[in-house]
């Protein structure tokens, strides 16, 4: 009977651990800093923009564009990803004005996240006002419009991110369902073992040799 109790306790402990760890595993990554920062006014145009995330992002599906008020993209090449750091080089000759870094990456949990970081060069007027955190992050972000005359590679990259990550009913949702199912099964086994132990104890109590 002691063995049954010990096994039931172990199963219940495993169930609690599974439920407790399911929510943190599904958390999305966040943009924790950027260069330029949100709303920053630069004296001269930067050579690149950098985005730093709270965890490593996936190398597939990243898209970064830097547009001015006329929606012209100034990014020169594909973004470079090193762990949680995403760097996008910029073309030279950026004039004074307002700009937006429009980014979209695939979080380490497989979900796409996106945001906008506005900044200005010289005496330029901001395209948009910076948000309190300098970003807007969502699970189902809207795609940034491709600027006039721009290659559609950035837009295609965002579509690739969505395809690779899937919806909330994809891999992340399947993992949560699996964990909850395992926890439920573990609890059911624990209840069965406890009931069985009680029945065994009740049956043995009537034995005069006990």
Protein backbone atom coordinates (compact mmCIF):
# COMPACT_ATOMS: atom_id res chain seq x y z
CA UNK A 1 0.00 0.00 0.00
CA UNK A 2 2.88 2.33 0.72
CA UNK A 3 4.12 1.67 -2.80
CA UNK A 4 0.73 2.67 -4.21
CA UNK A 5 0.76 5.90 -2.21
CA UNK A 6 4.28 6.75 -3.32
CA UNK A 7 3.41 6.10 -6.95
CA UNK A 8 0.24 8.18 -6.72
CA UNK A 9 2.18 11.05 -5.18
CA UNK A 10 4.79 10.91 -7.94
CA UNK A 11 2.13 10.92 -10.66
CA UNK A 12 0.34 13.89 -9.09
CA UNK A 13 3.63 15.79 -8.83
CA UNK A 14 4.37 15.12 -12.50
CA UNK A 15 0.91 16.37 -13.46
CA UNK A 16 1.39 19.61 -11.52
CA UNK A 17 4.79 20.16 -13.19
CA UNK A 18 3.31 19.61 -16.65
CA UNK A 19 0.51 22.11 -16.09
CA UNK A 20 2.85 24.67 -14.51
CA UNK A 21 5.36 24.55 -17.35
CA UNK A 22 2.83 24.57 -20.20
CA UNK A 23 2.09 28.32 -19.98
CA UNK A 24 5.71 29.59 -19.89
CA UNK A 25 6.59 27.38 -22.86
CA UNK A 26 3.93 29.13 -24.94
CA UNK A 27 5.06 32.68 -24.15
CA UNK A 28 6.15 34.80 -27.10
CA UNK A 29 9.43 36.68 -27.32
CA UNK A 30 9.56 40.47 -26.99
CA UNK A 31 11.57 43.26 -28.58
CA UNK A 32 13.64 44.59 -25.67
CA UNK A 33 15.70 47.26 -27.47
CA UNK A 34 16.43 48.78 -30.85
CA UNK A 35 19.01 50.98 -32.55
CA UNK A 36 17.77 53.61 -33.24
CA UNK A 37 15.42 53.64 -30.27
CA UNK A 38 11.76 54.46 -30.66
CA UNK A 39 11.31 58.17 -31.32
CA UNK A 40 15.06 58.88 -31.44
CA UNK A 41 16.26 61.87 -33.47
CA UNK A 42 19.58 61.19 -35.18
CA UNK A 43 21.94 63.82 -36.47
CA UNK A 44 22.96 61.67 -39.44
CA UNK A 45 21.47 58.64 -41.17
CA UNK A 46 22.49 55.28 -39.65
CA UNK A 47 24.36 52.59 -41.58
CA UNK A 48 22.00 49.91 -40.27
CA UNK A 49 19.20 49.25 -37.81
CA UNK A 50 19.33 46.66 -35.04
CA UNK A 51 16.58 44.87 -33.13
CA UNK A 52 17.28 42.90 -29.95
CA UNK A 53 14.76 40.32 -28.72
CA UNK A 54 14.32 38.57 -25.39
CA UNK A 55 15.23 35.18 -26.92
CA UNK A 56 16.69 33.75 -30.10
CA UNK A 57 14.36 34.20 -33.08
CA UNK A 58 14.07 31.76 -35.96
CA UNK A 59 16.23 32.43 -39.00
CA UNK A 60 13.33 31.76 -41.36
CA UNK A 61 10.66 34.35 -42.10
CA UNK A 62 12.38 37.50 -40.82
CA UNK A 63 11.46 40.71 -42.67
CA UNK A 64 12.65 44.25 -41.93
CA UNK A 65 11.97 47.38 -43.95
CA UNK A 66 12.81 51.00 -43.17
CA UNK A 67 10.45 53.37 -44.97
CA UNK A 68 10.20 57.13 -45.21
CA UNK A 69 7.04 59.25 -45.46
CA UNK A 70 6.68 58.33 -49.15
CA UNK A 71 6.87 54.59 -48.34
CA UNK A 72 10.29 54.19 -49.96
CA UNK A 73 12.27 51.34 -48.45
CA UNK A 74 15.91 52.08 -47.53
CA UNK A 75 16.97 48.58 -46.46
CA UNK A 76 19.87 47.24 -48.51
CA UNK A 77 19.75 43.45 -48.40
CA UNK A 78 18.27 40.70 -46.26
CA UNK A 79 18.31 41.04 -42.46
CA UNK A 80 21.09 39.24 -40.61
CA UNK A 81 20.12 37.15 -37.57
CA UNK A 82 22.46 36.17 -34.75
CA UNK A 83 20.51 34.64 -31.91
CA UNK A 84 18.19 37.36 -30.65
CA UNK A 85 19.87 40.15 -32.62
CA UNK A 86 18.47 41.15 -36.03
CA UNK A 87 20.45 43.63 -38.14
CA UNK A 88 19.32 45.23 -41.41
CA UNK A 89 21.81 47.26 -43.50
CA UNK A 90 20.65 50.55 -45.01
CA UNK A 91 21.40 52.27 -48.31
CA UNK A 92 23.42 55.45 -48.22
CA UNK A 93 21.97 58.84 -49.02
CA UNK A 94 19.01 58.82 -46.62
CA UNK A 95 17.82 62.43 -46.43
CA UNK A 96 16.53 64.27 -43.40
CA UNK A 97 13.04 63.07 -42.55
CA UNK A 98 10.92 60.69 -40.57
CA UNK A 99 11.32 56.89 -40.89
CA UNK A 100 9.74 53.71 -39.59
CA UNK A 101 11.41 50.38 -38.90
CA UNK A 102 8.72 47.84 -39.72
CA UNK A 103 9.79 44.42 -38.58
CA UNK A 104 8.39 40.92 -38.44
CA UNK A 105 10.17 37.84 -37.12
CA UNK A 106 9.23 34.35 -35.99
CA UNK A 107 9.40 33.97 -32.23
CA UNK A 108 11.27 31.05 -30.69
CA UNK A 109 7.90 29.45 -29.90
CA UNK A 110 7.05 29.41 -33.63
CA UNK A 111 4.63 32.36 -33.72
CA UNK A 112 5.16 35.51 -35.82
CA UNK A 113 5.53 38.80 -33.97
CA UNK A 114 5.83 42.27 -35.48
CA UNK A 115 6.16 45.92 -34.61
CA UNK A 116 7.03 49.45 -35.72
CA UNK A 117 9.89 51.64 -34.44
CA UNK A 118 9.77 55.27 -35.63
CA UNK A 119 12.80 57.56 -35.70
CA UNK A 120 13.92 60.76 -37.45
CA UNK A 121 17.06 61.94 -39.19
CA UNK A 122 18.27 65.53 -38.73
CA UNK A 123 15.33 67.95 -38.67
CA UNK A 124 12.82 65.46 -40.06
CA UNK A 125 9.24 65.17 -38.86
CA UNK A 126 8.25 61.78 -37.39
CA UNK A 127 6.11 59.58 -39.61
CA UNK A 128 4.26 58.29 -36.53
CA UNK A 129 4.44 59.01 -32.83
CA UNK A 130 6.38 56.39 -30.83
CA UNK A 131 4.37 54.00 -28.68
CA UNK A 132 5.08 53.86 -24.92
CA UNK A 133 7.20 50.72 -25.36
CA UNK A 134 8.50 51.58 -28.79
CA UNK A 135 6.85 48.58 -30.40
CA UNK A 136 3.63 46.82 -31.26
CA UNK A 137 3.78 43.05 -30.92
CA UNK A 138 0.97 40.68 -31.89
CA UNK A 139 0.40 37.02 -32.66
CA UNK A 140 -1.39 37.80 -35.91
CA UNK A 141 0.35 40.93 -37.25
CA UNK A 142 -0.76 42.68 -40.40
CA UNK A 143 1.71 42.74 -43.26
CA UNK A 144 3.40 46.04 -44.02
CA UNK A 145 2.56 47.37 -47.49
CA UNK A 146 5.40 47.04 -49.97
CA UNK A 147 6.65 50.52 -50.91
CA UNK A 148 6.24 51.68 -54.48
CA UNK A 149 8.94 50.23 -56.73
CA UNK A 150 10.28 48.02 -53.97
CA UNK A 151 11.07 44.37 -54.44
CA UNK A 152 8.46 42.13 -52.93
CA UNK A 153 11.06 40.09 -51.06
CA UNK A 154 10.19 41.66 -47.71
CA UNK A 155 6.49 41.02 -48.19
CA UNK A 156 7.24 37.48 -49.32
CA UNK A 157 9.36 37.05 -46.20
CA UNK A 158 6.40 37.96 -43.98
CA UNK A 159 4.21 35.43 -45.78
CA UNK A 160 6.92 32.83 -45.27
CA UNK A 161 6.96 33.65 -41.57
CA UNK A 162 3.23 33.11 -41.30
CA UNK A 163 3.44 29.82 -43.23
CA UNK A 164 6.38 28.61 -41.15
CA UNK A 165 4.82 29.59 -37.83
CA UNK A 166 1.21 28.62 -38.47
CA UNK A 167 -1.79 29.93 -36.60
CA UNK A 168 -2.53 29.67 -32.89
CA UNK A 169 -4.04 26.25 -33.67
CA UNK A 170 -0.65 25.05 -35.02
CA UNK A 171 2.37 23.62 -33.27
CA UNK A 172 2.07 25.82 -30.18
CA UNK A 173 -1.60 24.92 -29.70
CA UNK A 174 -0.90 21.24 -30.32
CA UNK A 175 1.82 21.28 -27.66
CA UNK A 176 -0.51 22.83 -25.10
CA UNK A 177 -3.24 20.30 -25.89
CA UNK A 178 -0.73 17.45 -25.52
CA UNK A 179 0.53 18.73 -22.17
CA UNK A 180 -2.98 19.20 -20.81
CA UNK A 181 -3.92 15.71 -22.04
CA UNK A 182 -0.89 14.17 -20.34
CA UNK A 183 -1.69 15.98 -17.13
CA UNK A 184 -5.27 14.73 -17.22
CA UNK A 185 -4.12 11.18 -17.85
CA UNK A 186 -1.65 11.39 -14.97
CA UNK A 187 -4.35 12.62 -12.59
CA UNK A 188 -6.66 9.80 -13.71
CA UNK A 189 -3.95 7.21 -13.02
CA UNK A 190 -3.29 8.72 -9.60
CA UNK A 191 -6.99 8.55 -8.68
CA UNK A 192 -7.15 4.93 -9.85
CA UNK A 193 -4.15 3.96 -7.72
CA UNK A 194 -5.59 5.65 -4.63
CA UNK A 195 -8.98 3.92 -5.06
CA UNK A 196 -7.27 0.59 -5.61
CA UNK A 197 -5.17 1.03 -2.48
CA UNK A 198 -8.25 1.86 -0.39
CA UNK A 199 -10.11 -1.17 -1.70
CA UNK A 200 -7.15 -3.37 -0.87
CA UNK A 201 -6.99 -1.97 2.65
CA UNK A 202 -10.74 -2.47 3.15
CA UNK A 203 -10.56 -6.07 1.95
CA UNK A 204 -7.64 -6.91 4.21
CA UNK A 205 -9.25 -5.37 7.33
CA UNK A 206 -11.72 -8.27 7.54
CA UNK A 207 -8.95 -10.86 7.57
CA UNK A 208 -8.41 -12.10 11.15
CA UNK A 209 -4.78 -12.73 10.33
CA UNK A 210 -4.17 -9.05 9.51
